[in-house]
Amino acid sequence: MEHPICFPRMGLRRMRRTSLKMVILALILKRARTKALVKDKRTTEEAFGTYVECMVGDIGDKSFTKRALRGVRAIICPADDGFFSEPIDLKGVQHIVLLSQLAVYRNSGGLQAIMNSKLKTLAEKDEEVVLASGIPCTIIRTGSLQSTPGRERGFDFTEGIASKGRISKEDAATICVEALNSIPLKTHIFEVANGKEKVIDWKAWFEEQTKREEEIQ
């Protein structure tokens, strides 16, 4: 991968709650040039060394955003709900990969629904902005993210699985990174949780999905 990847802003504390840390590690293994928008540059550099170009700033500052996105061709937004809540100039970006927990929030009930109401609104806004951007995008609607080892189970891509299923953060991160090399013509949205289906070749899997979408259109 020749192009830098830009992540949503967050510090290591938030990383532990999301798949961002796993995504960065997966990109490092792919030897991708990686740019991360973070709150704590020192902590992030201690965690990933020189493999990641860390940038600290206000995403609402247009001059900072322009500088941060300079040279960026793809953005991975790993469930940082609300990243697109501020207007962002995405000029030059050719692909957006959004890991969405929207289905999980929408399926919440009782007290959990109240606790997730703000996150649901932010997640809805993220998807809305990405879809309206006109930039080819891959929206990965996952089941509830779990801090469990990856590569131990297969996957389930059944429609509706995201609202009731679970998936390890490591597996979700792998899918995000693999999606980078498969830029859709316009939009590719799918649901996924851990299940029984094995995916040996992600490139072939994404190509098959693209082919199906073209046939439908």
C-alpha atoms as a PDB file:
ATOM      1  CA  MET A   1       0.000   0.000   0.000  1.00  0.00           C
ATOM      2  CA  GLU A   2       1.606   3.225  -1.143  1.00  0.00           C
ATOM      3  CA  HIS A   3      -0.823   5.797   0.163  1.00  0.00           C
ATOM      4  CA  PRO A   4      -1.033   7.052   3.754  1.00  0.00           C
ATOM      5  CA  ILE A   5      -4.029   6.085   5.818  1.00  0.00           C
ATOM      6  CA  CYS A   6      -5.701   8.631   8.091  1.00  0.00           C
ATOM      7  CA  PHE A   7      -7.470   7.595  11.296  1.00  0.00           C
ATOM      8  CA  PRO A   8      -9.950   9.428  13.493  1.00  0.00           C
ATOM      9  CA  ARG A   9      -8.564  11.326  16.430  1.00  0.00           C
ATOM     10  CA  MET A  10      -8.332   9.504  19.745  1.00  0.00           C
ATOM     11  CA  GLY A  11      -5.866   8.624  22.470  1.00  0.00           C
ATOM     12  CA  LEU A  12      -4.745   5.207  23.659  1.00  0.00           C
ATOM     13  CA  ARG A  13      -7.520   5.031  26.274  1.00  0.00           C
ATOM     14  CA  ARG A  14     -10.140   5.136  23.513  1.00  0.00           C
ATOM     15  CA  MET A  15      -8.058   2.722  21.442  1.00  0.00           C
ATOM     16  CA  ARG A  16      -8.609   0.017  24.051  1.00  0.00           C
ATOM     17  CA  ARG A  17     -12.368   0.402  23.589  1.00  0.00           C
ATOM     18  CA  THR A  18     -12.316   0.233  19.810  1.00  0.00           C
ATOM     19  CA  SER A  19     -10.600  -1.589  17.009  1.00  0.00           C
ATOM     20  CA  LEU A  20      -8.279   1.322  16.183  1.00  0.00           C
ATOM     21  CA  LYS A  21      -5.255  -0.250  17.837  1.00  0.00           C
ATOM     22  CA  MET A  22      -5.884  -3.499  15.967  1.00  0.00           C
ATOM     23  CA  VAL A  23      -6.305  -1.615  12.686  1.00  0.00           C
ATOM     24  CA  ILE A  24      -2.963   0.133  13.104  1.00  0.00           C
ATOM     25  CA  LEU A  25      -1.250  -3.151  13.902  1.00  0.00           C
ATOM     26  CA  ALA A  26      -2.829  -4.757  10.829  1.00  0.00           C
ATOM     27  CA  LEU A  27      -1.620  -1.873   8.664  1.00  0.00           C
ATOM     28  CA  ILE A  28       1.879  -2.167  10.077  1.00  0.00           C
ATOM     29  CA  LEU A  29       1.907  -5.848   9.111  1.00  0.00           C
ATOM     30  CA  LYS A  30       0.836  -4.781   5.605  1.00  0.00           C
ATOM     31  CA  ARG A  31       3.710  -2.274   5.589  1.00  0.00           C
ATOM     32  CA  ALA A  32       1.295   0.522   4.840  1.00  0.00           C
ATOM     33  CA  ARG A  33       2.276   4.139   5.370  1.00  0.00           C
ATOM     34  CA  THR A  34       0.031   5.124   8.245  1.00  0.00           C
ATOM     35  CA  LYS A  35      -1.051   8.514   9.507  1.00  0.00           C
ATOM     36  CA  ALA A  36      -3.097   8.718  12.717  1.00  0.00           C
ATOM     37  CA  LEU A  37      -5.022  11.640  14.198  1.00  0.00           C
ATOM     38  CA  VAL A  38      -4.629  11.260  17.968  1.00  0.00           C
ATOM     39  CA  LYS A  39      -5.042  13.170  21.221  1.00  0.00           C
ATOM     40  CA  ASP A  40      -1.873  11.843  22.865  1.00  0.00           C
ATOM     41  CA  LYS A  41       1.051  11.833  20.419  1.00  0.00           C
ATOM     42  CA  ARG A  42       3.617  10.654  22.947  1.00  0.00           C
ATOM     43  CA  THR A  43       1.592   7.651  24.106  1.00  0.00           C
ATOM     44  CA  THR A  44       0.782   6.631  20.553  1.00  0.00           C
ATOM     45  CA  GLU A  45       4.421   6.915  19.447  1.00  0.00           C
ATOM     46  CA  GLU A  46       5.466   4.797  22.426  1.00  0.00           C
ATOM     47  CA  ALA A  47       2.953   2.154  21.347  1.00  0.00           C
ATOM     48  CA  PHE A  48       3.766   2.091  17.611  1.00  0.00           C
ATOM     49  CA  GLY A  49       7.147   3.772  17.200  1.00  0.00           C
ATOM     50  CA  THR A  50       8.087   5.201  13.819  1.00  0.00           C
ATOM     51  CA  TYR A  51       5.578   3.022  11.963  1.00  0.00           C
ATOM     52  CA  VAL A  52       2.890   5.654  12.461  1.00  0.00           C
ATOM     53  CA  GLU A  53       2.919   9.367  11.672  1.00  0.00           C
ATOM     54  CA  CYS A  54       0.990  10.914  14.571  1.00  0.00           C
ATOM     55  CA  MET A  55      -0.808  14.223  14.255  1.00  0.00           C
ATOM     56  CA  VAL A  56      -2.490  16.151  17.066  1.00  0.00           C
ATOM     57  CA  GLY A  57      -4.994  18.907  16.420  1.00  0.00           C
ATOM     58  CA  ASP A  58      -8.603  20.005  16.226  1.00  0.00           C
ATOM     59  CA  ILE A  59     -10.485  18.261  13.419  1.00  0.00           C
ATOM     60  CA  GLY A  60     -12.743  21.317  13.311  1.00  0.00           C
ATOM     61  CA  ASP A  61      -9.746  23.472  12.341  1.00  0.00           C
ATOM     62  CA  LYS A  62      -9.806  23.574   8.530  1.00  0.00           C
ATOM     63  CA  SER A  63      -6.116  24.421   8.233  1.00  0.00           C
ATOM     64  CA  PHE A  64      -5.159  21.458  10.429  1.00  0.00           C
ATOM     65  CA  THR A  65      -7.505  19.114   8.586  1.00  0.00           C
ATOM     66  CA  LYS A  66      -6.075  20.194   5.235  1.00  0.00           C
ATOM     67  CA  ARG A  67      -2.552  19.550   6.479  1.00  0.00           C
ATOM     68  CA  ALA A  68      -3.494  16.237   8.080  1.00  0.00           C
ATOM     69  CA  LEU A  69      -5.192  14.929   4.946  1.00  0.00           C
ATOM     70  CA  ARG A  70      -2.456  16.057   2.569  1.00  0.00           C
ATOM     71  CA  GLY A  71      -1.425  13.029   0.529  1.00  0.00           C
ATOM     72  CA  VAL A  72      -4.092  10.834   2.108  1.00  0.00           C
ATOM     73  CA  ARG A  73      -5.907   8.639  -0.403  1.00  0.00           C
ATOM     74  CA  ALA A  74      -7.913   6.458   1.959  1.00  0.00           C
ATOM     75  CA  ILE A  75      -9.498   6.909   5.371  1.00  0.00           C
ATOM     76  CA  ILE A  76     -10.271   4.122   7.813  1.00  0.00           C
ATOM     77  CA  CYS A  77     -12.745   5.208  10.462  1.00  0.00           C
ATOM     78  CA  PRO A  78     -12.829   2.297  12.965  1.00  0.00           C
ATOM     79  CA  ALA A  79     -16.050   2.902  14.919  1.00  0.00           C
ATOM     80  CA  ASP A  80     -15.019   6.326  16.161  1.00  0.00           C
ATOM     81  CA  ASP A  81     -18.639   7.441  16.297  1.00  0.00           C
ATOM     82  CA  GLY A  82     -18.940  11.118  15.435  1.00  0.00           C
ATOM     83  CA  PHE A  83     -15.746  11.526  13.405  1.00  0.00           C
ATOM     84  CA  PHE A  84     -17.703  13.114  10.565  1.00  0.00           C
ATOM     85  CA  SER A  85     -19.842  15.277  12.857  1.00  0.00           C
ATOM     86  CA  GLU A  86     -17.644  18.238  11.928  1.00  0.00           C
ATOM     87  CA  PRO A  87     -17.465  19.430   8.285  1.00  0.00           C
ATOM     88  CA  ILE A  88     -14.274  17.978   6.759  1.00  0.00           C
ATOM     89  CA  ASP A  89     -12.663  18.803   3.419  1.00  0.00           C
ATOM     90  CA  LEU A  90     -12.059  15.364   1.916  1.00  0.00           C
ATOM     91  CA  LYS A  91     -10.477  16.615  -1.303  1.00  0.00           C
ATOM     92  CA  GLY A  92      -8.096  14.003  -2.682  1.00  0.00           C
ATOM     93  CA  VAL A  93      -9.550  11.106  -0.695  1.00  0.00           C
ATOM     94  CA  GLN A  94     -10.422   8.215  -3.008  1.00  0.00           C
ATOM     95  CA  HIS A  95     -11.871   5.679  -0.582  1.00  0.00           C
ATOM     96  CA  ILE A  96     -13.485   5.735   2.858  1.00  0.00           C
ATOM     97  CA  VAL A  97     -13.746   2.606   4.987  1.00  0.00           C
ATOM     98  CA  LEU A  98     -16.189   3.067   7.866  1.00  0.00           C
ATOM     99  CA  LEU A  99     -16.582   0.458  10.595  1.00  0.00           C
ATOM    100  CA  SER A 100     -20.102   1.065  11.872  1.00  0.00           C
ATOM    101  CA  GLN A 101     -21.781  -0.073  15.076  1.00  0.00           C
ATOM    102  CA  LEU A 102     -25.093   1.489  14.080  1.00  0.00           C
ATOM    103  CA  ALA A 103     -26.955  -1.829  13.940  1.00  0.00           C
ATOM    104  CA  VAL A 104     -25.811  -2.625  17.492  1.00  0.00           C
ATOM    105  CA  TYR A 105     -27.024   0.724  18.827  1.00  0.00           C
ATOM    106  CA  ARG A 106     -30.360   0.462  17.040  1.00  0.00           C
ATOM    107  CA  ASN A 107     -30.965  -2.973  18.532  1.00  0.00           C
ATOM    108  CA  SER A 108     -30.286  -1.810  22.092  1.00  0.00           C
ATOM    109  CA  GLY A 109     -33.141  -1.973  24.552  1.00  0.00           C
ATOM    110  CA  GLY A 110     -34.000  -0.606  27.972  1.00  0.00           C
ATOM    111  CA  LEU A 111     -31.236   1.203  29.851  1.00  0.00           C
ATOM    112  CA  GLN A 112     -28.677   0.237  27.196  1.00  0.00           C
ATOM    113  CA  ALA A 113     -30.745   2.051  24.567  1.00  0.00           C
ATOM    114  CA  ILE A 114     -30.708   5.206  26.662  1.00  0.00           C
ATOM    115  CA  MET A 115     -26.943   4.931  27.177  1.00  0.00           C
ATOM    116  CA  ASN A 116     -26.394   4.369  23.457  1.00  0.00           C
ATOM    117  CA  SER A 117     -28.782   7.063  22.202  1.00  0.00           C
ATOM    118  CA  LYS A 118     -26.046   9.652  21.610  1.00  0.00           C
ATOM    119  CA  LEU A 119     -23.746   7.086  20.019  1.00  0.00           C
ATOM    120  CA  LYS A 120     -26.580   6.007  17.729  1.00  0.00           C
ATOM    121  CA  THR A 121     -27.127   9.591  16.597  1.00  0.00           C
ATOM    122  CA  LEU A 122     -23.410  10.069  15.922  1.00  0.00           C
ATOM    123  CA  ALA A 123     -23.161   6.752  14.061  1.00  0.00           C
ATOM    124  CA  GLU A 124     -26.153   7.710  11.909  1.00  0.00           C
ATOM    125  CA  LYS A 125     -24.478  11.025  11.124  1.00  0.00           C
ATOM    126  CA  ASP A 126     -21.229   9.288  10.177  1.00  0.00           C
ATOM    127  CA  GLU A 127     -22.975   7.007   7.692  1.00  0.00           C
ATOM    128  CA  GLU A 128     -25.065   9.864   6.328  1.00  0.00           C
ATOM    129  CA  VAL A 129     -22.027  12.080   5.676  1.00  0.00           C
ATOM    130  CA  VAL A 130     -19.972   9.264   4.142  1.00  0.00           C
ATOM    131  CA  LEU A 131     -22.805   8.251   1.802  1.00  0.00           C
ATOM    132  CA  ALA A 132     -23.387  11.861   0.752  1.00  0.00           C
ATOM    133  CA  SER A 133     -19.690  12.589   0.177  1.00  0.00           C
ATOM    134  CA  GLY A 134     -19.671  11.173  -3.333  1.00  0.00           C
ATOM    135  CA  ILE A 135     -16.448   9.318  -2.492  1.00  0.00           C
ATOM    136  CA  PRO A 136     -16.389   5.538  -3.029  1.00  0.00           C
ATOM    137  CA  CYS A 137     -17.009   4.050   0.401  1.00  0.00           C
ATOM    138  CA  THR A 138     -17.108   0.704   2.154  1.00  0.00           C
ATOM    139  CA  ILE A 139     -19.370   0.628   5.203  1.00  0.00           C
ATOM    140  CA  ILE A 140     -18.789  -2.421   7.391  1.00  0.00           C
ATOM    141  CA  ARG A 141     -21.659  -2.863   9.828  1.00  0.00           C
ATOM    142  CA  THR A 142     -20.335  -5.218  12.469  1.00  0.00           C
ATOM    143  CA  GLY A 143     -21.829  -7.035  15.390  1.00  0.00           C
ATOM    144  CA  SER A 144     -20.827  -5.975  18.899  1.00  0.00           C
ATOM    145  CA  LEU A 145     -17.035  -5.581  19.067  1.00  0.00           C
ATOM    146  CA  GLN A 146     -15.371  -7.989  21.507  1.00  0.00           C
ATOM    147  CA  SER A 147     -11.901  -8.036  23.091  1.00  0.00           C
ATOM    148  CA  THR A 148     -11.375 -11.663  22.126  1.00  0.00           C
ATOM    149  CA  PRO A 149      -8.619 -13.274  20.018  1.00  0.00           C
ATOM    150  CA  GLY A 150      -9.103 -13.064  16.271  1.00  0.00           C
ATOM    151  CA  ARG A 151      -8.514 -15.652  13.541  1.00  0.00           C
ATOM    152  CA  GLU A 152     -10.144 -18.348  15.661  1.00  0.00           C
ATOM    153  CA  ARG A 153     -13.596 -18.292  14.091  1.00  0.00           C
ATOM    154  CA  GLY A 154     -15.092 -17.711  10.678  1.00  0.00           C
ATOM    155  CA  PHE A 155     -17.654 -15.100   9.660  1.00  0.00           C
ATOM    156  CA  ASP A 156     -21.361 -14.628   9.125  1.00  0.00           C
ATOM    157  CA  PHE A 157     -22.440 -12.111   6.473  1.00  0.00           C
ATOM    158  CA  THR A 158     -26.178 -12.766   6.801  1.00  0.00           C
ATOM    159  CA  GLU A 159     -28.373  -9.686   6.548  1.00  0.00           C
ATOM    160  CA  GLY A 160     -29.401  -8.638  10.065  1.00  0.00           C
ATOM    161  CA  ILE A 161     -26.487 -10.387  11.793  1.00  0.00           C
ATOM    162  CA  ALA A 162     -24.885  -7.102  12.912  1.00  0.00           C
ATOM    163  CA  SER A 163     -27.757  -6.322  15.282  1.00  0.00           C
ATOM    164  CA  LYS A 164     -27.428  -9.571  17.217  1.00  0.00           C
ATOM    165  CA  GLY A 165     -23.987 -11.004  16.512  1.00  0.00           C
ATOM    166  CA  ARG A 166     -20.510 -10.411  17.915  1.00  0.00           C
ATOM    167  CA  ILE A 167     -17.086 -10.086  16.351  1.00  0.00           C
ATOM    168  CA  SER A 168     -13.567  -9.799  17.720  1.00  0.00           C
ATOM    169  CA  LYS A 169     -11.878  -6.422  17.300  1.00  0.00           C
ATOM    170  CA  GLU A 170      -8.946  -8.150  15.636  1.00  0.00           C
ATOM    171  CA  ASP A 171     -11.174  -9.740  12.997  1.00  0.00           C
ATOM    172  CA  ALA A 172     -13.002  -6.451  12.412  1.00  0.00           C
ATOM    173  CA  ALA A 173      -9.659  -4.675  11.986  1.00  0.00           C
ATOM    174  CA  THR A 174      -8.522  -7.269   9.464  1.00  0.00           C
ATOM    175  CA  ILE A 175     -11.634  -6.694   7.348  1.00  0.00           C
ATOM    176  CA  CYS A 176     -11.130  -2.908   7.435  1.00  0.00           C
ATOM    177  CA  VAL A 177      -7.557  -3.202   6.183  1.00  0.00           C
ATOM    178  CA  GLU A 178      -8.413  -5.802   3.536  1.00  0.00           C
ATOM    179  CA  ALA A 179     -11.195  -3.525   2.270  1.00  0.00           C
ATOM    180  CA  LEU A 180      -8.662  -0.830   1.378  1.00  0.00           C
ATOM    181  CA  ASN A 181      -7.518  -2.687  -1.723  1.00  0.00           C
ATOM    182  CA  SER A 182     -11.070  -3.117  -3.029  1.00  0.00           C
ATOM    183  CA  ILE A 183     -12.455   0.277  -3.958  1.00  0.00           C
ATOM    184  CA  PRO A 184     -16.142   0.015  -4.915  1.00  0.00           C
ATOM    185  CA  LEU A 185     -17.585   1.878  -7.885  1.00  0.00           C
ATOM    186  CA  LYS A 186     -19.744   3.849  -5.464  1.00  0.00           C
ATOM    187  CA  THR A 187     -20.856   2.209  -2.228  1.00  0.00           C
ATOM    188  CA  HIS A 188     -20.386  -1.215  -0.677  1.00  0.00           C
ATOM    189  CA  ILE A 189     -22.335  -1.892   2.539  1.00  0.00           C
ATOM    190  CA  PHE A 190     -22.388  -5.242   4.288  1.00  0.00           C
ATOM    191  CA  GLU A 191     -22.953  -6.768   7.727  1.00  0.00           C
ATOM    192  CA  VAL A 192     -20.598  -9.147   9.481  1.00  0.00           C
ATOM    193  CA  ALA A 193     -20.156 -11.008  12.753  1.00  0.00           C
ATOM    194  CA  ASN A 194     -18.146 -14.051  13.715  1.00  0.00           C
ATOM    195  CA  GLY A 195     -19.637 -17.287  12.423  1.00  0.00           C
ATOM    196  CA  LYS A 196     -18.775 -20.435  10.485  1.00  0.00           C
ATOM    197  CA  GLU A 197     -17.882 -19.135   7.007  1.00  0.00           C
ATOM    198  CA  LYS A 198     -14.147 -19.142   6.341  1.00  0.00           C
ATOM    199  CA  VAL A 199     -12.586 -16.465   4.149  1.00  0.00           C
ATOM    200  CA  ILE A 200      -9.181 -17.520   2.831  1.00  0.00           C
ATOM    201  CA  ASP A 201      -8.747 -14.800   0.212  1.00  0.00           C
ATOM    202  CA  TRP A 202     -10.261 -11.431   1.112  1.00  0.00           C
ATOM    203  CA  LYS A 203      -9.312  -9.886  -2.223  1.00  0.00           C
ATOM    204  CA  ALA A 204     -11.317 -12.564  -4.047  1.00  0.00           C
ATOM    205  CA  TRP A 205     -14.202 -12.144  -1.557  1.00  0.00           C
ATOM    206  CA  PHE A 206     -14.442  -8.395  -2.153  1.00  0.00           C
ATOM    207  CA  GLU A 207     -14.166  -8.861  -5.927  1.00  0.00           C
ATOM    208  CA  GLU A 208     -17.071 -11.294  -5.796  1.00  0.00           C
ATOM    209  CA  GLN A 209     -19.186  -8.810  -3.834  1.00  0.00           C
ATOM    210  CA  THR A 210     -18.384  -6.060  -6.337  1.00  0.00           C
ATOM    211  CA  LYS A 211     -19.336  -8.358  -9.204  1.00  0.00           C
ATOM    212  CA  ARG A 212     -22.689  -9.131  -7.565  1.00  0.00           C
ATOM    213  CA  GLU A 213     -23.433  -5.446  -7.040  1.00  0.00           C
ATOM    214  CA  GLU A 214     -22.667  -4.676 -10.695  1.00  0.00           C
ATOM    215  CA  GLU A 215     -25.028  -7.440 -11.818  1.00  0.00           C
ATOM    216  CA  ILE A 216     -27.804  -6.047  -9.605  1.00  0.00           C
ATOM    217  CA  GLN A 217     -27.303  -2.541 -11.010  1.00  0.00           C
END
